Amino acid sequence: MTERLKLQIGLGIVVALLSLAVLGMPWMASASEWTEADDLRAEELADSARIAAEERLYIGLGNNLHLIDSDPGNGFALFRTSKPSRKDMRKFCELGIQEMMVLSGTAKKHEYKYADECPTLKVIYNEGQSTSTPVTEAFLRQFDEWVQNAQATGKKIAFRCECGCHRTGRLAAYYQMKYQGLTAEDAKIIMRKHGQWMLFYPHIFKQVDAMADYVAGRPCSLQPKYCVGEERDALQLALDFVTPR
């Protein structure tokens, strides 16, 4: 058997397995499908949060840049975005964004590299979070303190990962459930709207459901591998994730 034939057979097996996964796992399809009803609901949610008109001002100003919340009274604003280019960094400064949480740990390649374009922007968190690992209570406490300080002082802040889709979408869902009163289902609609390749991240939707329990002060109703918790060692995290759902 030639190497080329082996490669073709291997690719065929991968395609077949992926096809079976998509057709045989409705929970994967439901996590990624986007319908017209979802689009209408997303617009309703933006209207109810009083940010629809403002968000239109930011379209095209950055890679997946969106306004999550704002207070025109004191200037507070919270944005979500993706890894910035040099041009994006200039726009951040024009928008008055003062602090950034980097959920992918890549500030050196972006914010620090282009710091001359926005010297007033401060990176206050720069850790490589994983989509397969739920956020911890310690991180959410840090996030809450940061947000509440910005709300009180009228600061403009933002957070990002790489595409601004998965880790960013997860944290945005937490904010929307805790501070804007969205249900987990509505938060997931917005996460899908701004997401990419969500088909391959069904576990994030379960993590959002688990965070809804956390926000409500309820015990986690899902398997521990989806639940908000304190830091666990790397081996245990790996074992948790490969355990059948």
Protein backbone atom coordinates (compact mmCIF):
# COMPACT_ATOMS: atom_id res chain seq x y z
CA MET A 1 0.00 0.00 0.00
CA THR A 2 1.44 3.34 -1.08
CA GLU A 3 1.72 6.32 1.25
CA ARG A 4 -0.73 8.24 -0.96
CA LEU A 5 -3.33 5.48 -0.67
CA LYS A 6 -2.87 5.35 3.09
CA LEU A 7 -3.43 9.09 3.26
CA GLN A 8 -6.59 8.87 1.14
CA ILE A 9 -7.98 6.08 3.31
CA GLY A 10 -7.17 8.03 6.46
CA LEU A 11 -8.90 11.16 5.16
CA GLY A 12 -11.91 9.10 4.14
CA ILE A 13 -12.22 7.67 7.64
CA VAL A 14 -11.99 11.15 9.19
CA VAL A 15 -14.70 12.51 6.87
CA ALA A 16 -16.95 9.52 7.61
CA LEU A 17 -16.55 9.94 11.37
CA LEU A 18 -17.30 13.65 11.17
CA SER A 19 -20.39 12.96 9.08
CA LEU A 20 -21.64 10.41 11.60
CA ALA A 21 -21.02 12.85 14.41
CA VAL A 22 -23.02 15.61 12.76
CA LEU A 23 -25.90 13.35 11.71
CA GLY A 24 -26.03 11.25 14.84
CA MET A 25 -25.68 13.88 17.55
CA PRO A 26 -28.59 16.31 17.56
CA TRP A 27 -27.10 18.22 20.49
CA MET A 28 -24.22 19.20 18.21
CA ALA A 29 -26.58 20.45 15.52
CA SER A 30 -28.69 22.43 17.97
CA ALA A 31 -25.57 24.11 19.31
CA SER A 32 -24.63 25.50 15.92
CA GLU A 33 -27.85 26.08 13.95
CA TRP A 34 -28.81 29.71 13.39
CA THR A 35 -32.38 30.45 12.38
CA GLU A 36 -34.31 33.54 11.38
CA ALA A 37 -36.10 33.33 14.73
CA ASP A 38 -32.71 33.45 16.47
CA ASP A 39 -31.80 36.54 14.45
CA LEU A 40 -35.02 38.31 15.46
CA ARG A 41 -34.52 37.31 19.08
CA ALA A 42 -30.95 38.64 19.04
CA GLU A 43 -32.25 42.01 17.80
CA GLU A 44 -34.90 42.05 20.54
CA LEU A 45 -32.24 41.36 23.15
CA ALA A 46 -30.07 44.20 21.88
CA ASP A 47 -33.08 46.53 22.00
CA SER A 48 -33.95 45.45 25.54
CA ALA A 49 -30.37 46.14 26.63
CA ARG A 50 -30.63 49.61 25.00
CA ILE A 51 -27.48 49.07 22.95
CA ALA A 52 -28.84 48.31 19.46
CA ALA A 53 -28.39 51.84 18.12
CA GLU A 54 -25.01 52.27 19.78
CA GLU A 55 -23.71 48.92 18.56
CA ARG A 56 -24.24 50.00 14.94
CA LEU A 57 -21.63 52.69 15.49
CA TYR A 58 -18.95 50.05 16.04
CA ILE A 59 -19.67 47.81 13.06
CA GLY A 60 -16.56 47.64 10.91
CA LEU A 61 -14.33 49.26 13.52
CA GLY A 62 -12.65 46.04 14.60
CA ASN A 63 -12.51 42.30 14.27
CA ASN A 64 -15.77 41.02 15.77
CA LEU A 65 -16.03 44.15 17.90
CA HIS A 66 -19.35 44.53 19.70
CA LEU A 67 -20.71 46.65 22.50
CA ILE A 68 -22.18 44.52 25.30
CA ASP A 69 -23.32 47.19 27.72
CA SER A 70 -22.95 50.89 28.42
CA ASP A 71 -24.00 53.70 30.73
CA PRO A 72 -24.19 57.02 28.84
CA GLY A 73 -24.60 58.75 32.18
CA ASN A 74 -21.05 58.14 33.39
CA GLY A 75 -19.32 56.79 30.27
CA PHE A 76 -19.04 53.12 31.24
CA ALA A 77 -18.88 50.73 28.31
CA LEU A 78 -18.04 47.05 27.96
CA PHE A 79 -16.91 45.65 24.62
CA ARG A 80 -16.07 42.19 23.29
CA THR A 81 -13.63 41.76 20.43
CA SER A 82 -10.93 39.57 18.89
CA LYS A 83 -7.16 39.80 18.48
CA PRO A 84 -6.42 43.34 17.30
CA SER A 85 -4.38 44.54 14.37
CA ARG A 86 -2.43 47.80 14.44
CA LYS A 87 -5.48 49.53 12.96
CA ASP A 88 -7.75 48.00 15.58
CA MET A 89 -5.52 49.29 18.36
CA ARG A 90 -5.91 52.82 17.01
CA LYS A 91 -9.67 52.37 17.02
CA PHE A 92 -9.59 51.13 20.62
CA CYS A 93 -7.98 54.40 21.64
CA GLU A 94 -10.45 56.42 19.58
CA LEU A 95 -13.28 54.61 21.37
CA GLY A 96 -11.66 55.38 24.71
CA ILE A 97 -11.12 51.76 25.74
CA GLN A 98 -8.79 51.87 28.75
CA GLU A 99 -8.37 48.27 29.88
CA MET A 100 -8.34 44.86 28.24
CA MET A 101 -8.68 41.28 29.46
CA VAL A 102 -6.90 38.87 27.10
CA LEU A 103 -8.37 35.38 27.49
CA SER A 104 -5.95 33.74 25.03
CA GLY A 105 -2.70 34.90 26.64
CA THR A 106 -1.51 36.55 23.41
CA ALA A 107 -1.16 40.19 24.47
CA LYS A 108 2.54 40.13 23.54
CA LYS A 109 1.64 39.47 19.89
CA HIS A 110 -0.98 42.21 19.74
CA GLU A 111 -1.57 44.76 22.52
CA TYR A 112 2.09 44.98 23.52
CA LYS A 113 3.33 44.79 19.94
CA TYR A 114 1.12 47.71 18.85
CA ALA A 115 1.24 49.61 22.13
CA ASP A 116 2.44 52.74 20.35
CA GLU A 117 -0.96 52.94 18.62
CA CYS A 118 -2.81 53.06 21.95
CA PRO A 119 -0.37 53.79 24.79
CA THR A 120 -3.18 54.38 27.30
CA LEU A 121 -4.60 50.85 26.92
CA LYS A 122 -3.68 48.64 29.88
CA VAL A 123 -3.80 44.83 29.77
CA ILE A 124 -5.04 43.72 33.19
CA TYR A 125 -5.30 39.98 32.45
CA ASN A 126 -3.31 37.88 29.98
CA GLU A 127 -3.86 34.16 30.45
CA GLY A 128 -4.48 31.38 27.95
CA GLN A 129 -7.85 29.99 28.95
CA SER A 130 -9.14 26.78 27.33
CA THR A 131 -12.59 26.28 25.84
CA SER A 132 -12.67 22.76 27.25
CA THR A 133 -11.98 23.95 30.80
CA PRO A 134 -14.75 25.83 32.64
CA VAL A 135 -13.86 29.18 34.15
CA THR A 136 -13.17 29.16 37.87
CA GLU A 137 -14.81 31.01 40.74
CA ALA A 138 -11.53 32.85 41.31
CA PHE A 139 -11.53 34.16 37.73
CA LEU A 140 -15.19 35.20 37.87
CA ARG A 141 -14.56 37.07 41.13
CA GLN A 142 -11.68 38.90 39.43
CA PHE A 143 -13.89 39.67 36.43
CA ASP A 144 -16.73 40.90 38.66
CA GLU A 145 -14.43 43.22 40.60
CA TRP A 146 -13.06 44.62 37.35
CA VAL A 147 -16.51 45.17 35.86
CA GLN A 148 -17.99 46.71 38.99
CA ASN A 149 -15.08 49.11 39.31
CA ALA A 150 -15.53 50.16 35.68
CA GLN A 151 -19.27 50.60 36.18
CA ALA A 152 -18.68 52.79 39.24
CA THR A 153 -15.94 54.93 37.70
CA GLY A 154 -17.28 55.23 34.14
CA LYS A 155 -14.43 53.33 32.55
CA LYS A 156 -14.49 51.75 29.08
CA ILE A 157 -13.20 48.19 29.12
CA ALA A 158 -13.03 45.19 26.79
CA PHE A 159 -12.13 41.52 26.68
CA ARG A 160 -11.08 39.20 23.89
CA CYS A 161 -9.65 35.83 22.93
CA GLU A 162 -8.50 35.14 19.34
CA CYS A 163 -11.57 35.21 17.09
CA GLY A 164 -13.77 36.79 19.76
CA CYS A 165 -16.09 33.77 19.52
CA HIS A 166 -15.69 31.01 22.07
CA ARG A 167 -13.84 32.07 25.22
CA THR A 168 -15.07 35.60 24.62
CA GLY A 169 -18.62 34.38 23.97
CA ARG A 170 -18.58 32.34 27.16
CA LEU A 171 -17.57 35.32 29.28
CA ALA A 172 -20.04 37.59 27.51
CA ALA A 173 -22.79 35.09 28.31
CA TYR A 174 -21.81 35.23 31.99
CA TYR A 175 -21.99 39.03 32.01
CA GLN A 176 -25.33 39.07 30.21
CA MET A 177 -26.87 36.57 32.61
CA LYS A 178 -25.55 38.24 35.75
CA TYR A 179 -25.73 41.93 34.91
CA GLN A 180 -28.41 42.15 32.21
CA GLY A 181 -30.78 39.43 33.39
CA LEU A 182 -30.65 37.29 30.26
CA THR A 183 -31.60 33.64 30.43
CA ALA A 184 -29.04 31.02 29.49
CA GLU A 185 -30.97 30.35 26.27
CA ASP A 186 -30.91 34.01 25.25
CA ALA A 187 -27.23 34.36 26.14
CA LYS A 188 -26.49 31.35 23.95
CA ILE A 189 -28.39 32.92 21.04
CA ILE A 190 -26.07 35.92 21.17
CA MET A 191 -23.05 33.63 21.55
CA ARG A 192 -24.03 31.80 18.36
CA LYS A 193 -24.66 35.07 16.51
CA HIS A 194 -21.11 36.31 17.10
CA GLY A 195 -19.49 32.85 16.97
CA GLN A 196 -17.70 30.78 14.36
CA TRP A 197 -17.55 27.00 13.98
CA MET A 198 -19.80 26.59 17.01
CA LEU A 199 -20.58 23.06 15.84
CA PHE A 200 -17.23 21.99 17.24
CA TYR A 201 -17.75 23.62 20.65
CA PRO A 202 -20.90 22.00 22.11
CA HIS A 203 -19.26 21.89 25.57
CA ILE A 204 -19.27 25.71 25.77
CA PHE A 205 -23.07 25.72 25.65
CA LYS A 206 -23.14 23.33 28.58
CA GLN A 207 -20.67 25.56 30.42
CA VAL A 208 -23.06 28.48 29.93
CA ASP A 209 -25.88 26.42 31.44
CA ALA A 210 -23.60 25.65 34.39
CA MET A 211 -22.75 29.34 34.78
CA ALA A 212 -26.49 30.08 34.90
CA ASP A 213 -26.66 27.85 37.97
CA TYR A 214 -23.69 29.70 39.45
CA VAL A 215 -25.26 33.12 38.81
CA ALA A 216 -28.50 31.98 40.42
CA GLY A 217 -26.69 30.57 43.45
CA ARG A 218 -27.86 27.03 42.67
CA PRO A 219 -25.80 23.84 42.83
CA CYS A 220 -24.49 22.93 39.40
CA SER A 221 -27.03 20.73 37.61
CA LEU A 222 -24.55 19.41 35.04
CA GLN A 223 -21.61 17.04 35.17
CA PRO A 224 -18.64 18.48 37.11
CA LYS A 225 -16.56 18.89 33.95
CA TYR A 226 -18.91 21.69 32.87
CA CYS A 227 -19.30 23.41 36.23
CA VAL A 228 -17.70 26.60 37.54
CA GLY A 229 -15.11 25.58 40.10
CA GLU A 230 -11.77 26.22 41.67
CA GLU A 231 -8.51 25.30 39.97
CA ARG A 232 -7.98 21.60 39.36
CA ASP A 233 -4.77 19.89 38.36
CA ALA A 234 -4.10 19.33 34.67
CA LEU A 235 -4.45 15.53 34.85
CA GLN A 236 -7.88 15.75 36.47
CA LEU A 237 -9.03 18.29 33.90
CA ALA A 238 -7.93 15.98 31.09
CA LEU A 239 -9.72 13.01 32.67
CA ASP A 240 -12.87 15.07 33.16
CA PHE A 241 -12.97 16.11 29.54
CA VAL A 242 -12.53 12.64 28.02
CA THR A 243 -15.18 11.11 30.28
CA PRO A 244 -18.25 10.31 28.15
CA ARG A 245 -20.90 13.00 28.32
